[in-house]
Amino acid sequence: MFIANFKQTNSPYKADKNNNMPYTASVFAGELNGQAIINGTIFKKNLSTVAYYLCTNKNGRTEIISEISVGELRIVAEQLGLRY
């Protein structure tokens, strides 16, 4: 598990069929092996670049469990034993 916010990326990825570039995770706490990537169209419809999310990355697929407020970041990280 990890806590991250997401930023739109340009390369080395390609745009999806709606011409939206994917978003990659910038990890605040926890560990991520590899990269966490979210489809650009899905991200734009449901998520925000100013929010933090509790996530998992299983079998190369990133799943967002919940949005976390800025005030909860350290508390959630400590409760889950995530290093930041």
C-alpha atoms as a PDB file:
ATOM      1  CA  MET A   1       0.000   0.000   0.000  1.00  0.00           C
ATOM      2  CA  PHE A   2       1.071   3.554  -0.596  1.00  0.00           C
ATOM      3  CA  ILE A   3      -0.218   7.121  -0.428  1.00  0.00           C
ATOM      4  CA  ALA A   4       0.316   9.234  -3.526  1.00  0.00           C
ATOM      5  CA  ASN A   5      -0.892  12.087  -5.633  1.00  0.00           C
ATOM      6  CA  PHE A   6      -0.842  11.878  -9.414  1.00  0.00           C
ATOM      7  CA  LYS A   7       0.626  14.036 -12.172  1.00  0.00           C
ATOM      8  CA  GLN A   8      -0.007  13.893 -15.885  1.00  0.00           C
ATOM      9  CA  THR A   9       2.952  12.592 -17.824  1.00  0.00           C
ATOM     10  CA  ASN A  10       4.112  13.014 -21.389  1.00  0.00           C
ATOM     11  CA  SER A  11       6.708  10.429 -22.278  1.00  0.00           C
ATOM     12  CA  PRO A  12       7.430   7.574 -22.738  1.00  0.00           C
ATOM     13  CA  TYR A  13       3.682   6.905 -22.734  1.00  0.00           C
ATOM     14  CA  LYS A  14       1.090   7.470 -25.436  1.00  0.00           C
ATOM     15  CA  ALA A  15      -2.293   9.164 -25.225  1.00  0.00           C
ATOM     16  CA  ASP A  16      -5.411   7.002 -24.901  1.00  0.00           C
ATOM     17  CA  LYS A  17      -8.180   6.896 -27.517  1.00  0.00           C
ATOM     18  CA  ASN A  18      -9.563  10.206 -26.158  1.00  0.00           C
ATOM     19  CA  ASN A  19      -6.135  11.820 -26.554  1.00  0.00           C
ATOM     20  CA  ASN A  20      -5.557  12.030 -22.777  1.00  0.00           C
ATOM     21  CA  MET A  21      -2.105  11.263 -21.450  1.00  0.00           C
ATOM     22  CA  PRO A  22      -1.787   8.926 -18.450  1.00  0.00           C
ATOM     23  CA  TYR A  23      -1.111  10.006 -14.868  1.00  0.00           C
ATOM     24  CA  THR A  24       1.720   8.617 -12.747  1.00  0.00           C
ATOM     25  CA  ALA A  25       2.016   8.433  -8.973  1.00  0.00           C
ATOM     26  CA  SER A  26       4.248  10.606  -6.852  1.00  0.00           C
ATOM     27  CA  VAL A  27       4.519   8.571  -3.623  1.00  0.00           C
ATOM     28  CA  PHE A  28       4.161  10.384  -0.286  1.00  0.00           C
ATOM     29  CA  ALA A  29       4.308   7.320   1.994  1.00  0.00           C
ATOM     30  CA  GLY A  30       4.724   3.593   1.624  1.00  0.00           C
ATOM     31  CA  GLU A  31       6.531   1.700  -1.077  1.00  0.00           C
ATOM     32  CA  LEU A  32       5.798   1.178  -4.719  1.00  0.00           C
ATOM     33  CA  ASN A  33       7.682  -1.340  -6.806  1.00  0.00           C
ATOM     34  CA  GLY A  34       7.658  -0.096 -10.375  1.00  0.00           C
ATOM     35  CA  GLN A  35       5.274   2.644 -11.428  1.00  0.00           C
ATOM     36  CA  ALA A  36       1.635   3.392 -10.711  1.00  0.00           C
ATOM     37  CA  ILE A  37      -0.114   4.563 -13.855  1.00  0.00           C
ATOM     38  CA  ILE A  38      -3.756   5.607 -14.291  1.00  0.00           C
ATOM     39  CA  ASN A  39      -5.479   6.022 -17.655  1.00  0.00           C
ATOM     40  CA  GLY A  40      -5.862   9.715 -18.535  1.00  0.00           C
ATOM     41  CA  THR A  41      -9.570   9.637 -19.377  1.00  0.00           C
ATOM     42  CA  ILE A  42     -10.490   7.715 -16.216  1.00  0.00           C
ATOM     43  CA  PHE A  43      -8.364  10.070 -14.117  1.00  0.00           C
ATOM     44  CA  LYS A  44      -9.921  13.229 -15.555  1.00  0.00           C
ATOM     45  CA  LYS A  45     -13.459  11.934 -14.979  1.00  0.00           C
ATOM     46  CA  ASN A  46     -13.026  10.773 -11.386  1.00  0.00           C
ATOM     47  CA  LEU A  47      -9.850  12.079  -9.722  1.00  0.00           C
ATOM     48  CA  SER A  48      -7.898  15.251  -8.966  1.00  0.00           C
ATOM     49  CA  THR A  49      -4.215  16.181  -9.178  1.00  0.00           C
ATOM     50  CA  VAL A  50      -4.457  18.151  -5.913  1.00  0.00           C
ATOM     51  CA  ALA A  51      -5.720  15.188  -3.861  1.00  0.00           C
ATOM     52  CA  TYR A  52      -3.850  12.346  -2.160  1.00  0.00           C
ATOM     53  CA  TYR A  53      -4.999   8.742  -2.488  1.00  0.00           C
ATOM     54  CA  LEU A  54      -4.476   5.501  -0.593  1.00  0.00           C
ATOM     55  CA  CYS A  55      -3.525   2.975  -3.277  1.00  0.00           C
ATOM     56  CA  THR A  56      -2.432  -0.573  -3.966  1.00  0.00           C
ATOM     57  CA  ASN A  57      -0.542  -1.882  -6.941  1.00  0.00           C
ATOM     58  CA  LYS A  58      -1.315  -5.548  -7.618  1.00  0.00           C
ATOM     59  CA  ASN A  59      -0.072  -7.399 -10.662  1.00  0.00           C
ATOM     60  CA  GLY A  60       0.917  -4.109 -12.290  1.00  0.00           C
ATOM     61  CA  ARG A  61      -2.564  -2.633 -11.860  1.00  0.00           C
ATOM     62  CA  THR A  62      -3.016   0.441  -9.681  1.00  0.00           C
ATOM     63  CA  GLU A  63      -6.150   0.557  -7.557  1.00  0.00           C
ATOM     64  CA  ILE A  64      -7.217   3.649  -5.643  1.00  0.00           C
ATOM     65  CA  ILE A  65      -8.824   2.686  -2.350  1.00  0.00           C
ATOM     66  CA  SER A  66      -9.732   6.090  -0.965  1.00  0.00           C
ATOM     67  CA  GLU A  67      -9.013   9.806  -1.143  1.00  0.00           C
ATOM     68  CA  ILE A  68      -7.126  11.141   1.878  1.00  0.00           C
ATOM     69  CA  SER A  69      -7.316  14.742   3.065  1.00  0.00           C
ATOM     70  CA  VAL A  70      -4.102  16.664   3.675  1.00  0.00           C
ATOM     71  CA  GLY A  71      -4.873  16.718   7.400  1.00  0.00           C
ATOM     72  CA  GLU A  72      -5.079  12.909   7.451  1.00  0.00           C
ATOM     73  CA  LEU A  73      -1.866  12.182   5.515  1.00  0.00           C
ATOM     74  CA  ARG A  74       0.519  11.587   8.396  1.00  0.00           C
ATOM     75  CA  ILE A  75      -2.116   9.956  10.608  1.00  0.00           C
ATOM     76  CA  VAL A  76      -3.089   7.402   7.948  1.00  0.00           C
ATOM     77  CA  ALA A  77       0.550   6.787   7.023  1.00  0.00           C
ATOM     78  CA  GLU A  78       1.467   6.131  10.655  1.00  0.00           C
ATOM     79  CA  GLN A  79      -1.571   3.919  11.286  1.00  0.00           C
ATOM     80  CA  LEU A  80      -0.684   1.785   8.272  1.00  0.00           C
ATOM     81  CA  GLY A  81       3.002   1.717   9.165  1.00  0.00           C
ATOM     82  CA  LEU A  82       3.981   3.468   5.964  1.00  0.00           C
ATOM     83  CA  ARG A  83       7.284   5.313   5.872  1.00  0.00           C
ATOM     84  CA  TYR A  84       7.284   8.909   4.644  1.00  0.00           C
END
